[in-house]
Protein backbone atom coordinates (compact mmCIF):
# COMPACT_ATOMS: atom_id res chain seq x y z
CA MET A 1 -9.50 -7.75 -4.80
CA GLY A 2 -8.08 -5.93 -7.79
CA VAL A 3 -8.34 -6.55 -11.52
CA LYS A 4 -9.90 -9.80 -12.71
CA MET A 5 -7.31 -11.85 -14.61
CA GLY A 6 -7.90 -14.24 -17.48
CA PHE A 7 -4.69 -16.28 -17.08
CA ALA A 8 -2.32 -17.49 -14.38
CA PHE A 9 0.76 -19.71 -14.02
CA ASP A 10 1.08 -22.61 -11.61
CA SER A 11 4.32 -23.44 -9.75
CA THR A 12 5.57 -25.60 -12.62
CA GLY A 13 5.26 -22.71 -15.08
CA HIS A 14 2.17 -24.06 -16.83
CA LYS A 15 -0.18 -21.33 -18.03
CA TRP A 16 -3.89 -21.78 -17.27
CA ALA A 17 -6.90 -19.97 -18.71
CA ALA A 18 -9.54 -18.97 -16.18
CA HIS A 19 -12.42 -20.33 -18.29
CA THR A 20 -10.91 -23.86 -18.45
CA TYR A 21 -9.27 -24.05 -15.02
CA HIS A 22 -10.91 -25.73 -12.02
CA LYS A 23 -9.77 -26.77 -8.57
CA GLY A 24 -7.36 -29.70 -8.67
CA LEU A 25 -5.73 -28.72 -11.95
CA GLY A 26 -2.16 -27.46 -11.89
CA THR A 27 0.27 -27.28 -9.01
CA ASP A 28 -0.26 -24.69 -6.29
CA PRO A 29 0.50 -21.93 -5.71
CA LEU A 30 -0.89 -20.05 -8.69
CA LYS A 31 0.66 -16.72 -9.56
CA CYS A 32 -0.06 -13.72 -11.75
CA GLU A 33 0.76 -13.91 -15.43
CA PHE A 34 3.08 -10.89 -15.23
CA CYS A 35 4.44 -10.74 -11.67
CA PRO A 36 5.07 -12.98 -8.62
CA ALA A 37 1.78 -12.06 -6.86
CA LEU A 38 -0.17 -15.12 -5.71
CA VAL A 39 -3.69 -15.56 -7.07
CA THR A 40 -6.70 -17.81 -6.67
CA HIS A 41 -9.41 -18.96 -9.06
CA ASN A 42 -12.97 -17.63 -9.00
CA PRO A 43 -15.28 -20.01 -10.94
CA SER A 44 -17.87 -18.80 -13.43
CA HIS A 45 -21.33 -18.24 -12.00
CA THR A 46 -24.69 -16.84 -12.99
CA ARG A 47 -26.04 -13.50 -11.93
CA ASP A 48 -29.82 -13.61 -11.84
CA LEU A 49 -31.44 -10.43 -13.08
CA ASP A 50 -35.19 -9.94 -13.47
CA GLU A 51 -35.79 -11.74 -16.75
CA LYS A 52 -32.49 -13.41 -17.62
CA SER A 53 -29.53 -15.09 -16.00
CA ILE A 54 -26.20 -13.51 -16.92
CA LEU A 55 -23.12 -15.73 -16.98
CA VAL A 56 -20.22 -14.07 -15.17
CA PRO A 57 -17.02 -15.56 -16.61
CA ALA A 58 -14.43 -17.23 -14.40
CA TYR A 59 -11.35 -15.24 -13.46
CA PHE A 60 -8.24 -15.28 -11.31
CA LYS A 61 -7.90 -12.77 -8.47
CA LEU A 62 -5.31 -11.82 -5.89
CA LEU A 63 -5.08 -13.82 -2.71
CA ALA A 64 -5.88 -11.79 0.39
CA GLY A 65 -2.92 -9.62 1.35
CA GLU A 66 -1.17 -9.99 -2.01
CA ARG A 67 -0.26 -7.06 -4.28
CA HIS A 68 0.90 -6.87 -7.87
CA SER A 69 4.36 -5.53 -8.60
CA PRO A 70 4.29 -1.78 -9.42
CA ASP A 71 5.10 -2.39 -13.09
CA CYS A 72 2.62 -5.27 -13.51
CA THR A 73 -0.07 -4.98 -16.18
CA PHE A 74 -2.69 -5.63 -13.49
CA ALA A 75 -1.39 -3.10 -10.95
CA VAL A 76 -4.30 -0.73 -10.34
CA GLN A 77 -2.05 1.98 -8.88
CA GLU A 78 0.15 1.99 -11.99
CA GLU A 79 -2.88 2.23 -14.29
CA VAL A 80 -4.41 5.06 -12.23
CA THR A 81 -1.09 6.91 -12.32
CA LYS A 82 -0.93 6.50 -16.08
CA ILE A 83 -4.44 7.93 -16.53
CA VAL A 84 -3.61 10.85 -14.22
CA ARG A 85 -0.36 11.56 -16.07
CA GLU A 86 -2.23 11.86 -19.37
CA SER A 87 -5.02 14.08 -18.00
CA LYS A 88 -3.51 16.18 -15.21
CA ASP A 89 -6.17 18.91 -15.20
CA LEU A 90 -8.88 16.52 -14.05
CA PHE A 91 -6.97 15.07 -11.10
CA GLU A 92 -5.32 16.38 -7.97
CA SER A 93 -2.43 14.60 -6.26
CA ILE A 94 -3.05 13.93 -2.57
CA ARG A 95 0.11 11.99 -1.80
CA ASP A 96 2.36 9.51 -3.59
CA GLY A 97 0.16 7.12 -5.57
CA GLU A 98 -3.12 8.67 -4.39
CA TYR A 99 -5.23 11.15 -6.34
CA ARG A 100 -8.55 12.95 -6.41
CA LEU A 101 -10.95 12.96 -9.33
CA ARG A 102 -13.11 16.09 -9.30
CA LEU A 103 -16.64 15.11 -10.28
CA ALA A 104 -17.66 18.77 -10.51
CA MET A 105 -15.42 19.09 -13.59
CA ILE A 106 -17.16 16.06 -15.12
CA LYS A 107 -20.57 17.59 -14.39
CA ASP A 108 -19.55 20.95 -15.85
CA THR A 109 -18.20 19.21 -18.93
CA LEU A 110 -21.43 17.30 -19.55
CA ILE A 111 -23.49 20.48 -19.14
CA LYS A 112 -21.27 22.59 -21.37
CA MET A 113 -21.06 19.93 -24.06
CA SER A 114 -24.85 19.80 -24.18
CA PHE A 115 -24.88 23.41 -25.42
CA LYS A 116 -24.77 24.00 -29.17
CA PRO A 117 -24.08 27.25 -31.02
CA LEU A 118 -27.43 28.90 -31.75
CA GLN A 119 -28.02 29.56 -35.44
CA ASP A 120 -31.75 29.82 -36.14
CA GLU A 121 -33.08 33.37 -36.44
CA GLY A 122 -36.01 32.58 -34.16
CA GLN A 123 -33.74 31.47 -31.32
CA LYS A 124 -32.65 33.57 -28.38
CA GLN A 125 -30.52 36.57 -29.36
CA GLY A 126 -28.13 38.96 -27.60
CA GLN A 127 -25.53 38.57 -24.90
CA GLU A 128 -26.80 35.23 -23.53
CA LYS A 129 -26.52 33.67 -26.99
CA ASP A 130 -22.99 35.04 -27.38
CA ARG A 131 -22.01 33.75 -23.93
CA VAL A 132 -23.20 30.21 -24.64
CA GLN A 133 -21.56 30.14 -28.06
CA THR A 134 -18.28 31.49 -26.71
CA THR A 135 -18.23 29.01 -23.81
CA TYR A 136 -18.96 26.10 -26.12
CA VAL A 137 -16.41 27.04 -28.77
CA LYS A 138 -13.62 27.71 -26.27
CA ALA A 139 -14.26 24.52 -24.33
CA ALA A 140 -15.10 22.12 -27.14
CA GLY A 141 -11.54 21.11 -27.91
CA LYS A 142 -10.53 20.19 -24.36
CA LEU A 143 -13.65 19.07 -22.53
CA PRO A 144 -14.12 15.70 -24.29
CA GLY A 145 -10.71 14.72 -22.94
CA TYR A 146 -12.05 14.88 -19.39
CA ILE A 147 -14.80 12.40 -20.23
CA ASN A 148 -12.35 10.12 -22.04
CA SER A 149 -10.19 10.05 -18.91
CA ALA A 150 -13.23 9.30 -16.76
CA LYS A 151 -14.14 6.52 -19.19
CA ARG A 152 -10.71 4.94 -18.70
CA VAL A 153 -11.22 5.07 -14.93
CA LEU A 154 -14.62 3.38 -15.26
CA LYS A 155 -13.29 0.62 -17.51
CA LEU A 156 -10.56 -0.03 -14.94
CA ARG A 157 -13.14 -0.18 -12.13
CA ALA A 158 -15.37 -2.51 -14.19
CA LEU A 159 -12.44 -4.92 -14.54
CA CYS A 160 -12.02 -5.02 -10.74
CA ASP A 161 -14.07 -7.34 -8.56
CA ASP A 162 -15.11 -4.53 -6.19
CA ASP A 163 -14.37 -0.91 -5.21
CA THR A 164 -11.64 -1.75 -2.70
CA GLU A 165 -8.48 -1.51 -4.78
CA ILE A 166 -9.32 1.51 -6.92
CA SER A 167 -10.63 3.46 -3.92
CA LYS A 168 -7.17 3.16 -2.32
CA HIS A 169 -5.66 5.20 -5.13
CA LEU A 170 -8.48 7.41 -6.39
CA GLU A 171 -10.72 9.54 -4.19
CA LEU A 172 -13.85 11.14 -5.63
CA VAL A 173 -14.77 14.68 -4.60
CA PHE A 174 -17.60 16.90 -5.73
CA GLU A 175 -18.26 20.52 -4.81
CA GLY A 176 -15.53 21.88 -2.56
CA ASN A 177 -13.90 18.87 -0.94
CA THR A 178 -17.07 16.86 -0.41
CA VAL A 179 -16.05 13.21 -0.70
CA ILE A 180 -18.33 10.95 -2.76
CA HIS A 181 -17.61 7.37 -1.75
CA TRP A 182 -17.29 4.89 -4.59
CA PRO A 183 -20.51 2.97 -3.68
CA GLN A 184 -22.39 6.26 -4.18
CA PHE A 185 -20.83 6.83 -7.60
CA TYR A 186 -20.43 3.40 -9.21
CA PHE A 187 -23.46 1.10 -9.21
CA GLU A 188 -23.26 -2.46 -10.51
CA ALA A 189 -26.12 -4.19 -12.30
CA THR A 190 -27.61 -5.48 -9.04
CA ARG A 191 -27.69 -1.98 -7.48
CA HIS A 192 -29.78 0.03 -9.95
CA LEU A 193 -32.51 0.58 -7.36
CA GLU A 194 -29.90 2.00 -5.00
CA ALA A 195 -28.77 4.32 -7.79
CA PHE A 196 -32.36 5.47 -8.31
CA ASN A 197 -32.80 6.17 -4.59
CA THR A 198 -29.49 8.04 -4.46
CA ILE A 199 -30.47 10.28 -7.38
CA VAL A 200 -33.92 10.97 -5.92
CA ARG A 201 -32.45 11.71 -2.48
CA ASN A 202 -29.64 14.03 -3.63
CA THR A 203 -30.62 17.70 -3.77
CA ILE A 204 -27.54 18.50 -5.88
CA GLN A 205 -26.80 15.88 -8.50
CA HIS A 206 -23.31 14.59 -9.18
CA PRO A 207 -22.37 12.34 -12.13
CA ILE A 208 -23.13 8.67 -11.56
CA ALA A 209 -21.83 5.56 -13.33
CA LEU A 210 -24.15 2.63 -13.95
CA HIS A 211 -22.83 -0.81 -14.83
CA GLY A 212 -25.11 -3.30 -16.56
CA TYR A 213 -25.87 -5.68 -19.40
CA VAL A 214 -27.62 -4.65 -22.61
CA ASP A 215 -31.09 -6.15 -22.91
CA SER A 216 -32.02 -4.47 -26.21
CA LYS A 217 -30.70 -1.95 -28.72
CA ARG A 218 -33.20 0.04 -30.76
CA ILE A 219 -32.07 2.36 -33.52
CA GLY A 220 -33.89 5.55 -34.52
CA VAL A 221 -36.95 5.01 -32.33
CA GLY A 222 -36.82 8.22 -30.29
CA ARG A 223 -37.37 11.90 -30.84
CA ASN A 224 -35.39 13.22 -33.81
CA GLY A 225 -34.27 9.67 -34.60
CA ALA A 226 -32.50 9.02 -31.28
CA SER A 227 -31.39 5.47 -30.48
CA VAL A 228 -31.55 3.65 -27.15
CA LEU A 229 -29.91 0.90 -25.14
CA ASN A 230 -32.16 -0.72 -22.55
CA LEU A 231 -30.34 -2.51 -19.74
CA GLN A 232 -31.31 -5.74 -18.04
CA LYS A 233 -33.43 -5.06 -14.96
CA ASP A 234 -32.34 -6.22 -11.55
CA ARG A 235 -34.80 -8.38 -9.61
CA TYR A 236 -37.75 -6.58 -8.05
CA GLN A 237 -37.27 -5.85 -4.37
CA GLN A 238 -39.83 -5.60 -1.61
CA ASP A 239 -41.28 -2.14 -1.04
CA THR A 240 -40.36 -1.04 2.48
CA GLU A 241 -43.77 0.62 2.81
CA ASN A 242 -45.84 -2.16 1.25
CA ALA A 243 -44.72 -5.79 1.50
CA GLU A 244 -47.05 -6.81 -1.35
CA ASN A 245 -45.45 -4.38 -3.81
CA GLY A 246 -42.23 -5.11 -5.70
CA ILE A 247 -40.03 -2.21 -6.79
CA GLY A 248 -37.68 -2.28 -9.77
CA VAL A 249 -35.90 0.09 -12.14
CA GLU A 250 -35.69 0.25 -15.93
CA VAL A 251 -32.52 1.91 -17.25
CA SER A 252 -32.41 3.53 -20.70
CA VAL A 253 -29.40 5.12 -22.40
CA TRP A 254 -30.22 7.48 -25.29
CA ALA A 255 -27.94 8.82 -28.02
CA LYS A 256 -28.68 11.19 -30.87
CA ASP A 257 -26.08 9.43 -33.04
CA ALA A 258 -26.67 5.70 -33.62
CA THR A 259 -22.99 5.16 -34.46
CA TRP A 260 -22.19 5.71 -30.77
CA PHE A 261 -23.71 2.28 -30.18
CA SER A 262 -22.19 0.60 -33.24
CA GLU A 263 -19.78 -1.58 -31.24
CA ILE A 264 -22.33 -2.52 -28.57
CA ASP A 265 -24.70 -5.47 -28.95
CA GLU A 266 -27.36 -7.17 -26.87
CA GLY A 267 -25.80 -9.05 -23.97
CA ASP A 268 -22.71 -6.81 -23.78
CA GLU A 269 -21.46 -5.57 -20.43
CA ILE A 270 -21.21 -1.79 -20.33
CA VAL A 271 -20.65 1.17 -18.00
CA VAL A 272 -22.44 4.49 -18.56
CA LEU A 273 -21.48 7.84 -17.02
CA GLY A 274 -23.97 10.67 -16.88
CA LEU A 275 -26.34 13.04 -15.15
CA TRP A 276 -29.32 10.74 -14.82
CA ASN A 277 -33.02 11.52 -14.84
CA ALA A 278 -35.11 9.60 -12.30
CA ALA A 279 -38.88 9.20 -12.75
CA ARG A 280 -41.20 7.56 -10.25
CA ARG A 281 -44.00 5.38 -11.57
CA THR A 282 -47.27 4.24 -10.01
CA PRO A 283 -47.82 0.56 -9.13
CA THR A 284 -49.48 -1.78 -11.63
CA ILE A 285 -51.37 -4.97 -10.82
CA ALA A 286 -49.39 -8.20 -11.23
CA LYS A 287 -50.44 -10.23 -14.28
CA LYS A 288 -50.10 -13.54 -12.44
CA ASN A 289 -50.04 -14.81 -8.89
CA GLY A 290 -46.68 -14.61 -7.21
CA ARG A 291 -44.77 -13.02 -4.40
CA TYR A 292 -46.05 -9.52 -5.20
CA LYS A 293 -49.58 -8.35 -5.96
CA THR A 294 -48.36 -5.10 -7.57
CA PHE A 295 -45.17 -3.87 -9.22
CA THR A 296 -43.64 -0.40 -9.37
CA THR A 297 -41.17 0.01 -12.22
CA ASN A 298 -39.34 3.31 -11.83
CA LYS A 299 -37.23 4.79 -14.63
CA LEU A 300 -33.64 5.92 -14.95
CA SER A 301 -32.56 7.51 -18.22
CA VAL A 302 -29.70 9.52 -19.63
CA SER A 303 -29.18 11.35 -22.91
CA LEU A 304 -25.54 11.15 -23.96
CA VAL A 305 -23.76 14.24 -25.21
CA LEU A 306 -20.47 12.44 -25.88
CA THR A 307 -19.80 8.93 -27.12
CA ALA A 308 -17.15 8.50 -24.40
CA GLN A 309 -19.91 8.41 -21.76
CA VAL A 310 -20.57 4.76 -22.62
CA ALA A 311 -17.86 2.11 -22.36
CA LYS A 312 -17.99 -1.53 -23.32
CA VAL A 313 -16.26 -3.60 -20.66
CA PRO A 314 -13.38 -5.53 -22.26
CA THR A 315 -13.46 -9.31 -22.12
CA ARG A 316 -10.84 -10.80 -19.82
């Protein structure tokens, strides 16, 4: 549990890198690079997606029952507290070391930031125009900060090996005090179909974060020169209503400004926050004999309004 670590010390004080370490090297016990917490090694492995195998790098992780010291670089609680301290308006303190992130504020921010001051003579006039312009202008200076704080939370979660540790310190709530559990907010690359089903099922949409690996980046191919990142598809899964049909999801991330993707390349691991559009597709006949006779490839897409909605996961 907790943040994946790239280095650890053995009991003799020798420092080991996760990508070169293997069982039998060093002298147990292994401990964190920055505090006395005991750790164990998780070897590199492949994650099979639909068309490619992704190599998940090796890392060190906490032994069961261990915790980092409060001031350790890898202490999730300390990092959450730091993010909260620098963006108090977005969070609510529940008790010492535990906070709430209000997803309704994130949703409102994304909606408001999608508005632009209306300037063309042929566009809507009058009080509604003035209201939208006033809301946008008043909010524009502060709202991006909310998304930047959410981005920092997502990068922290992406560096963890599951939801367990961050969920101890950060609760997600939507309208009122409706709790959104982390598995219904943060979807890893192997859970895109679950994300699609969640979005289709929800009558009121809350922001959702999708983790994944970039399959392709295409610049200026969309409407008004928009650019797109297409993510690697997860493996097709059996249709619960038709065993001969495989269901999958294609995920596309659109941006009006190509520079928002300038630091992201094919193969990179990313997390994207947004209000997603889900589109059902009809089955198509399989091109070759295999497990499924037909395939349904549904679509998930998002149009970014702020560059901070997409985060490249740091290497460990």
